[in-house]
Structure formats: structure tokens, C-alpha cells
Protein backbone atom coordinates (compact mmCIF):
# COMPACT_ATOMS: atom_id res chain seq x y z
CA UNK A 1 377.00 77.92 148.04
CA UNK A 2 373.32 78.59 147.46
CA UNK A 3 372.06 78.56 143.90
CA UNK A 4 369.38 81.00 142.81
CA UNK A 5 367.13 80.92 139.76
CA UNK A 6 366.13 84.12 138.02
CA UNK A 7 363.03 84.55 135.90
CA UNK A 8 362.84 87.80 133.94
CA UNK A 9 360.62 89.08 131.20
CA UNK A 10 362.23 90.98 128.35
CA UNK A 11 360.87 92.37 125.14
CA UNK A 12 362.44 90.89 122.01
CA UNK A 13 364.30 94.18 121.51
CA UNK A 14 365.67 94.11 125.07
CA UNK A 15 366.80 90.51 124.66
CA UNK A 16 368.49 91.28 121.35
CA UNK A 17 370.19 94.41 122.70
CA UNK A 18 371.52 92.61 125.76
CA UNK A 19 372.73 89.69 123.64
CA UNK A 20 374.61 92.22 121.49
CA UNK A 21 376.13 93.78 124.62
CA UNK A 22 377.27 90.41 125.92
CA UNK A 23 378.78 89.59 122.53
CA UNK A 24 380.85 92.77 122.65
CA UNK A 25 381.87 92.96 126.31
CA UNK A 26 385.23 91.48 127.21
CA UNK A 27 387.43 90.76 130.18
CA UNK A 28 388.83 94.31 130.15
CA UNK A 29 385.31 95.71 130.61
CA UNK A 30 384.59 93.42 133.54
CA UNK A 31 388.03 94.05 135.01
CA UNK A 32 387.49 97.83 134.89
CA UNK A 33 384.40 97.38 137.07
CA UNK A 34 385.69 94.69 139.44
CA UNK A 35 387.69 94.94 142.65
CA UNK A 36 390.18 92.30 141.44
CA UNK A 37 390.79 89.76 138.69
CA UNK A 38 388.97 87.00 140.57
CA UNK A 39 385.78 89.07 140.69
CA UNK A 40 386.20 90.02 137.02
CA UNK A 41 386.42 86.35 136.03
CA UNK A 42 383.30 85.55 138.09
CA UNK A 43 381.45 88.40 136.37
CA UNK A 44 382.60 87.13 132.98
CA UNK A 45 381.41 83.62 133.84
CA UNK A 46 377.96 84.91 134.80
CA UNK A 47 377.79 87.03 131.65
CA UNK A 48 378.51 83.91 129.61
CA UNK A 49 375.73 82.02 131.39
CA UNK A 50 373.27 84.79 130.52
CA UNK A 51 374.58 84.93 126.93
CA UNK A 52 374.04 81.17 126.59
CA UNK A 53 370.49 81.44 127.96
CA UNK A 54 369.70 84.21 125.49
CA UNK A 55 371.15 82.10 122.67
CA UNK A 56 369.01 79.15 123.73
CA UNK A 57 365.98 81.46 123.55
CA UNK A 58 366.93 82.41 119.99
CA UNK A 59 368.93 85.58 120.59
CA UNK A 60 372.44 84.77 119.42
CA UNK A 61 373.99 87.58 117.38
CA UNK A 62 377.01 86.70 115.25
């Protein structure tokens, strides 16, 4: 598997809003937009990676 690195620029508001979204989204949301449970779990895993990166940058809503 090839690994890719993403570099994006967000305003503080965009980062905060997306961190809030990732805090609130759950497996059911991913599952509703996935072709099967395996894809939903992969989507969830990626969402958690992005959430962790936002938290590391100081955007970690409670």
C-alpha cells in the first residue's frame, strides 16, 4: 500500500468547525455513506487520524 501525505491550509474557524464535526460524527454516519461495514470502518479510522492531527494542532473540542 502506498502512503500519501496531505498538507492543507485551514483558517482557525475551519479547523475548529471540522474538529467539532469529527467529534460528533459516529459509525452510523460513516456506515450510511459507505458501501459496506469494512469501508465504514476505514472511513472512521481516517476520520480519527484527522481528528488527532487537529487536536495536535490545538483544535480539540470537548
